[in-house]
Amino acid sequence: MPSQHSKSGDPARSLSLLWRTREPAGRRRGGPGLTIDRIVAAATELADSEGITALSMRRVADALGVGTMSLYTYVPGKGELLDLMVDAAYGDLDTDDRSGTWRERLRRIAFADRELYVRHPWMLQVVTLRLLGPHLIAKYDHELSAVDGLGLSDVEMDSTVNLVNGYVESTVRKTLGAEQVARESGMDDEQWWRTYEPPLTALADDARFPIASRVGTAVGRAHRSVYDPDHEFSFGLERVLDGVQALVDSRACASD
């Protein structure tokens, strides 16, 4: 999937826009009834429906029924717009629920992030400077609070959050990539399995690859495909959390 970069934008201007510390020039000049939020919403809808490569200031202006130059009095360029879109998308996350154990909270955070990226797959194609807008910093604070007070150092808390986030992002990328292949081929995993299981079974040399043959057959029959994204996500996440549990336990032992 091609990437889009927000690094072409001005970080200082992006931060000013993210935190709304400066009134847009368009409003001072009596612009066409636009707001930053309306522009971001239109851009997000475009990226959701047509992909990030379809995004341009002109296309957003067309969707809003205004001239392209009108947008520039609110958002300096596409780089800053991408920063605004990413931060606004993180605003959809619930950062108020802090109930449950640390493991339950990290699990809930991971599944919420996964759902967000599935709704907005373009987010995984945007390479940003990770500017801390209000929604991203709220997300970060919420994630850190899940592992606060467990005996981890501040650096370990940050690394733990990054570990979970990295796992979510990598697995969603793989799932979205498989979905793209399915769309382009016109054949999903289940159809692929029904089509190719018989010849593969006939061709597979059980004597030469006994373990691969046994396990591959079991997986295919269990999932009716070669890969079940829901199963793999849950299984992998629990193993990541097992690793965090081992770290937490080691810190507890060290303090005894």
Protein backbone atom coordinates (compact mmCIF):
# COMPACT_ATOMS: atom_id res chain seq x y z
CA MET A 1 0.00 0.00 0.00
CA PRO A 2 1.52 3.37 -0.99
CA SER A 3 2.31 5.75 1.84
CA GLN A 4 1.39 9.39 2.21
CA HIS A 5 3.67 11.71 4.14
CA SER A 6 2.62 14.54 6.41
CA LYS A 7 6.28 15.51 6.89
CA SER A 8 5.99 17.94 3.99
CA GLY A 9 3.89 20.12 6.26
CA ASP A 10 5.10 22.62 8.83
CA PRO A 11 5.09 21.02 12.32
CA ALA A 12 4.57 24.38 14.02
CA ARG A 13 1.55 25.14 11.87
CA SER A 14 0.20 21.61 12.37
CA LEU A 15 0.46 21.96 16.13
CA SER A 16 -1.28 25.32 16.00
CA LEU A 17 -4.10 23.78 13.97
CA LEU A 18 -4.33 20.64 16.09
CA TRP A 19 -4.70 22.61 19.30
CA ARG A 20 -6.67 25.46 17.64
CA THR A 21 -4.36 28.07 19.11
CA ARG A 22 -4.69 30.42 16.17
CA GLU A 23 -7.85 31.58 14.42
CA PRO A 24 -7.93 30.56 10.74
CA ALA A 25 -7.36 33.40 8.30
CA GLY A 26 -10.54 32.44 6.45
CA ARG A 27 -12.67 33.16 9.50
CA ARG A 28 -11.07 36.56 10.02
CA ARG A 29 -11.75 37.39 6.39
CA GLY A 30 -15.34 36.23 6.50
CA GLY A 31 -14.73 33.00 4.61
CA PRO A 32 -17.37 30.75 3.02
CA GLY A 33 -18.72 29.25 6.24
CA LEU A 34 -15.95 26.68 6.43
CA THR A 35 -14.38 25.30 9.58
CA ILE A 36 -11.34 23.13 10.14
CA ASP A 37 -13.60 20.37 11.42
CA ARG A 38 -15.74 20.43 8.26
CA ILE A 39 -12.66 20.26 6.07
CA VAL A 40 -11.20 17.36 8.07
CA ALA A 41 -14.52 15.49 8.02
CA ALA A 42 -14.80 15.85 4.22
CA ALA A 43 -11.20 14.74 3.74
CA THR A 44 -11.72 11.73 6.00
CA GLU A 45 -14.86 10.68 4.15
CA LEU A 46 -12.98 10.89 0.87
CA ALA A 47 -10.05 8.84 2.19
CA ASP A 48 -12.43 6.25 3.69
CA SER A 49 -14.36 5.79 0.46
CA GLU A 50 -11.65 6.12 -2.19
CA GLY A 51 -8.36 5.62 -0.40
CA ILE A 52 -5.63 8.00 0.65
CA THR A 53 -4.22 8.31 -2.87
CA ALA A 54 -7.46 10.03 -3.95
CA LEU A 55 -6.99 12.75 -1.36
CA SER A 56 -6.11 16.22 -2.61
CA MET A 57 -6.99 19.73 -1.60
CA ARG A 58 -8.96 20.10 -4.84
CA ARG A 59 -11.02 16.96 -4.23
CA VAL A 60 -11.81 18.08 -0.68
CA ALA A 61 -12.81 21.53 -1.94
CA ASP A 62 -15.08 19.93 -4.56
CA ALA A 63 -16.76 17.82 -1.87
CA LEU A 64 -17.43 20.96 0.14
CA GLY A 65 -18.59 22.95 -2.87
CA VAL A 66 -15.96 25.66 -2.49
CA GLY A 67 -12.91 26.84 -4.37
CA THR A 68 -9.62 25.15 -3.60
CA MET A 69 -8.00 28.40 -2.52
CA SER A 70 -10.65 28.77 0.19
CA LEU A 71 -9.21 25.72 1.95
CA TYR A 72 -5.74 27.20 2.15
CA THR A 73 -6.95 30.01 4.41
CA TYR A 74 -7.84 27.29 6.94
CA VAL A 75 -5.29 24.53 6.27
CA PRO A 76 -1.93 25.46 4.70
CA GLY A 77 -1.53 22.24 2.74
CA LYS A 78 -2.02 18.50 2.45
CA GLY A 79 0.70 17.69 4.98
CA GLU A 80 -1.05 19.62 7.73
CA LEU A 81 -4.40 18.20 6.63
CA LEU A 82 -3.11 14.65 7.10
CA ASP A 83 -1.97 15.51 10.64
CA LEU A 84 -5.44 16.86 11.40
CA MET A 85 -7.16 13.81 9.92
CA VAL A 86 -5.12 11.32 11.94
CA ASP A 87 -5.67 13.16 15.20
CA ALA A 88 -9.40 13.56 14.53
CA ALA A 89 -9.71 9.84 13.85
CA TYR A 90 -8.14 9.05 17.21
CA GLY A 91 -10.90 11.17 18.72
CA ASP A 92 -13.31 8.31 17.97
CA LEU A 93 -11.64 6.18 20.65
CA ASP A 94 -13.07 5.90 24.14
CA THR A 95 -10.34 7.14 26.46
CA ASP A 96 -12.56 7.44 29.53
CA ASP A 97 -13.10 3.76 30.39
CA ARG A 98 -10.36 2.83 32.83
CA SER A 99 -12.06 -0.15 34.44
CA GLY A 100 -10.70 -3.66 34.78
CA THR A 101 -7.24 -5.14 35.24
CA TRP A 102 -4.26 -3.91 33.25
CA ARG A 103 -4.56 -6.93 30.97
CA GLU A 104 -8.25 -6.35 30.32
CA ARG A 105 -7.58 -2.71 29.60
CA LEU A 106 -4.72 -3.36 27.17
CA ARG A 107 -6.84 -5.99 25.43
CA ARG A 108 -9.72 -3.54 25.11
CA ILE A 109 -7.36 -0.85 23.81
CA ALA A 110 -5.91 -3.23 21.21
CA PHE A 111 -9.31 -4.29 19.88
CA ALA A 112 -10.50 -0.67 19.75
CA ASP A 113 -7.40 0.34 17.79
CA ARG A 114 -7.92 -2.57 15.42
CA GLU A 115 -11.51 -1.53 14.74
CA LEU A 116 -10.40 2.06 14.18
CA TYR A 117 -7.80 1.05 11.57
CA VAL A 118 -10.30 -1.21 9.81
CA ARG A 119 -12.73 1.74 9.58
CA HIS A 120 -9.96 4.07 8.42
CA PRO A 121 -7.37 1.88 6.67
CA TRP A 122 -5.67 4.96 5.20
CA MET A 123 -4.35 5.74 8.70
CA LEU A 124 -1.79 2.96 8.31
CA GLN A 125 -0.56 4.55 5.08
CA VAL A 126 0.09 7.97 6.59
CA VAL A 127 3.63 8.55 7.79
CA THR A 128 3.47 11.41 10.28
CA LEU A 129 5.82 13.12 12.68
CA ARG A 130 3.62 11.75 15.49
CA LEU A 131 2.70 15.28 16.52
CA LEU A 132 0.90 15.16 19.84
CA GLY A 133 -2.48 16.63 19.04
CA PRO A 134 -5.22 16.60 21.69
CA HIS A 135 -6.71 13.25 20.65
CA LEU A 136 -3.40 11.45 20.18
CA ILE A 137 -2.09 12.60 23.55
CA ALA A 138 -5.40 11.54 25.17
CA LYS A 139 -4.95 8.12 23.57
CA TYR A 140 -1.36 7.91 24.82
CA ASP A 141 -2.31 8.93 28.34
CA HIS A 142 -5.14 6.38 28.35
CA GLU A 143 -2.80 3.60 27.23
CA LEU A 144 -0.13 4.50 29.78
CA SER A 145 -2.70 4.55 32.57
CA ALA A 146 -3.37 0.85 31.90
CA VAL A 147 0.17 -0.07 32.99
CA ASP A 148 0.74 2.65 35.56
CA GLY A 149 1.47 1.44 39.08
CA LEU A 150 2.67 -2.02 38.02
CA GLY A 151 6.27 -1.45 39.02
CA LEU A 152 7.47 -0.64 35.51
CA SER A 153 9.75 2.30 34.85
CA ASP A 154 8.40 5.16 32.76
CA VAL A 155 10.51 4.00 29.81
CA GLU A 156 9.19 0.45 30.18
CA MET A 157 5.62 1.76 30.32
CA ASP A 158 6.19 3.61 27.03
CA SER A 159 7.79 0.55 25.44
CA THR A 160 4.92 -1.67 26.57
CA VAL A 161 2.38 0.64 24.98
CA ASN A 162 4.47 0.76 21.79
CA LEU A 163 4.70 -3.04 21.76
CA VAL A 164 0.92 -3.43 21.84
CA ASN A 165 0.39 -0.66 19.28
CA GLY A 166 3.00 -2.15 16.97
CA TYR A 167 1.38 -5.57 17.17
CA VAL A 168 -2.04 -4.14 16.30
CA GLU A 169 -0.72 -2.12 13.37
CA SER A 170 1.26 -5.02 11.88
CA THR A 171 -1.61 -7.51 12.08
CA VAL A 172 -4.12 -5.07 10.61
CA ARG A 173 -1.74 -4.33 7.75
CA LYS A 174 -1.56 -8.05 6.99
CA THR A 175 -5.35 -8.41 7.14
CA LEU A 176 -5.95 -5.41 4.90
CA GLY A 177 -3.34 -6.71 2.47
CA ALA A 178 -5.10 -10.08 2.29
CA GLU A 179 -8.43 -8.33 1.73
CA GLN A 180 -6.91 -6.34 -1.13
CA VAL A 181 -5.61 -9.53 -2.74
CA ALA A 182 -9.07 -11.10 -2.35
CA ARG A 183 -10.73 -8.10 -4.02
CA GLU A 184 -8.28 -8.13 -6.89
CA SER A 185 -8.46 -11.90 -7.39
CA GLY A 186 -12.21 -12.19 -6.77
CA MET A 187 -11.51 -15.11 -4.42
CA ASP A 188 -11.53 -14.97 -0.62
CA ASP A 189 -9.67 -17.42 1.64
CA GLU A 190 -12.60 -19.78 2.01
CA GLN A 191 -13.14 -19.94 -1.75
CA TRP A 192 -9.40 -20.45 -2.23
CA TRP A 193 -9.42 -23.32 0.25
CA ARG A 194 -12.40 -25.03 -1.39
CA THR A 195 -10.76 -24.69 -4.79
CA TYR A 196 -7.25 -25.79 -3.95
CA GLU A 197 -7.62 -28.16 -1.01
CA PRO A 198 -8.30 -31.24 -3.21
CA PRO A 199 -5.27 -30.83 -5.53
CA LEU A 200 -3.02 -29.77 -2.66
CA THR A 201 -4.06 -32.81 -0.66
CA ALA A 202 -3.32 -35.03 -3.63
CA LEU A 203 0.07 -33.43 -4.32
CA ALA A 204 1.31 -33.01 -0.76
CA ASP A 205 3.97 -35.51 0.22
CA ASP A 206 2.99 -36.48 3.77
CA ALA A 207 6.07 -38.63 4.13
CA ARG A 208 8.43 -35.79 3.22
CA PHE A 209 6.64 -32.99 5.14
CA PRO A 210 4.63 -34.87 7.78
CA ILE A 211 4.33 -32.02 10.31
CA ALA A 212 3.54 -29.31 7.75
CA SER A 213 0.99 -31.56 6.12
CA ARG A 214 -0.72 -32.45 9.39
CA VAL A 215 -0.80 -28.91 10.78
CA GLY A 216 -1.72 -27.27 7.48
CA THR A 217 -4.63 -29.64 7.03
CA ALA A 218 -5.83 -29.06 10.59
CA VAL A 219 -5.69 -25.27 10.16
CA GLY A 220 -7.51 -25.35 6.86
CA ARG A 221 -10.29 -27.52 8.21
CA ALA A 222 -10.61 -25.49 11.43
CA HIS A 223 -10.80 -22.10 9.71
CA ARG A 224 -12.05 -23.12 6.25
CA SER A 225 -9.21 -20.97 4.97
CA VAL A 226 -5.46 -20.73 5.19
CA TYR A 227 -5.68 -17.84 7.66
CA ASP A 228 -8.31 -16.58 10.11
CA PRO A 229 -7.55 -12.94 10.98
CA ASP A 230 -9.80 -12.86 14.05
CA HIS A 231 -8.25 -16.00 15.54
CA GLU A 232 -4.70 -14.93 14.74
CA PHE A 233 -5.22 -11.44 16.18
CA SER A 234 -6.64 -12.75 19.46
CA PHE A 235 -4.05 -15.51 19.79
CA GLY A 236 -1.12 -13.21 19.09
CA LEU A 237 -2.41 -10.48 21.37
CA GLU A 238 -2.67 -12.89 24.28
CA ARG A 239 0.94 -13.94 23.73
CA VAL A 240 2.01 -10.28 23.69
CA LEU A 241 0.16 -9.76 26.97
CA ASP A 242 1.78 -12.91 28.37
CA GLY A 243 5.12 -11.22 27.69
CA VAL A 244 4.00 -8.08 29.50
CA GLN A 245 2.81 -10.28 32.37
CA ALA A 246 6.28 -11.83 32.63
CA LEU A 247 7.83 -8.36 32.80
CA VAL A 248 5.37 -7.23 35.47
CA ASP A 249 5.97 -10.40 37.47
CA SER A 250 9.75 -9.95 37.29
CA ARG A 251 9.46 -6.43 38.66
CA ALA A 252 7.26 -7.68 41.49
CA CYS A 253 9.79 -10.36 42.38
CA ALA A 254 12.63 -7.84 42.32
CA SER A 255 10.82 -5.63 44.79
CA ASP A 256 10.19 -8.48 47.30
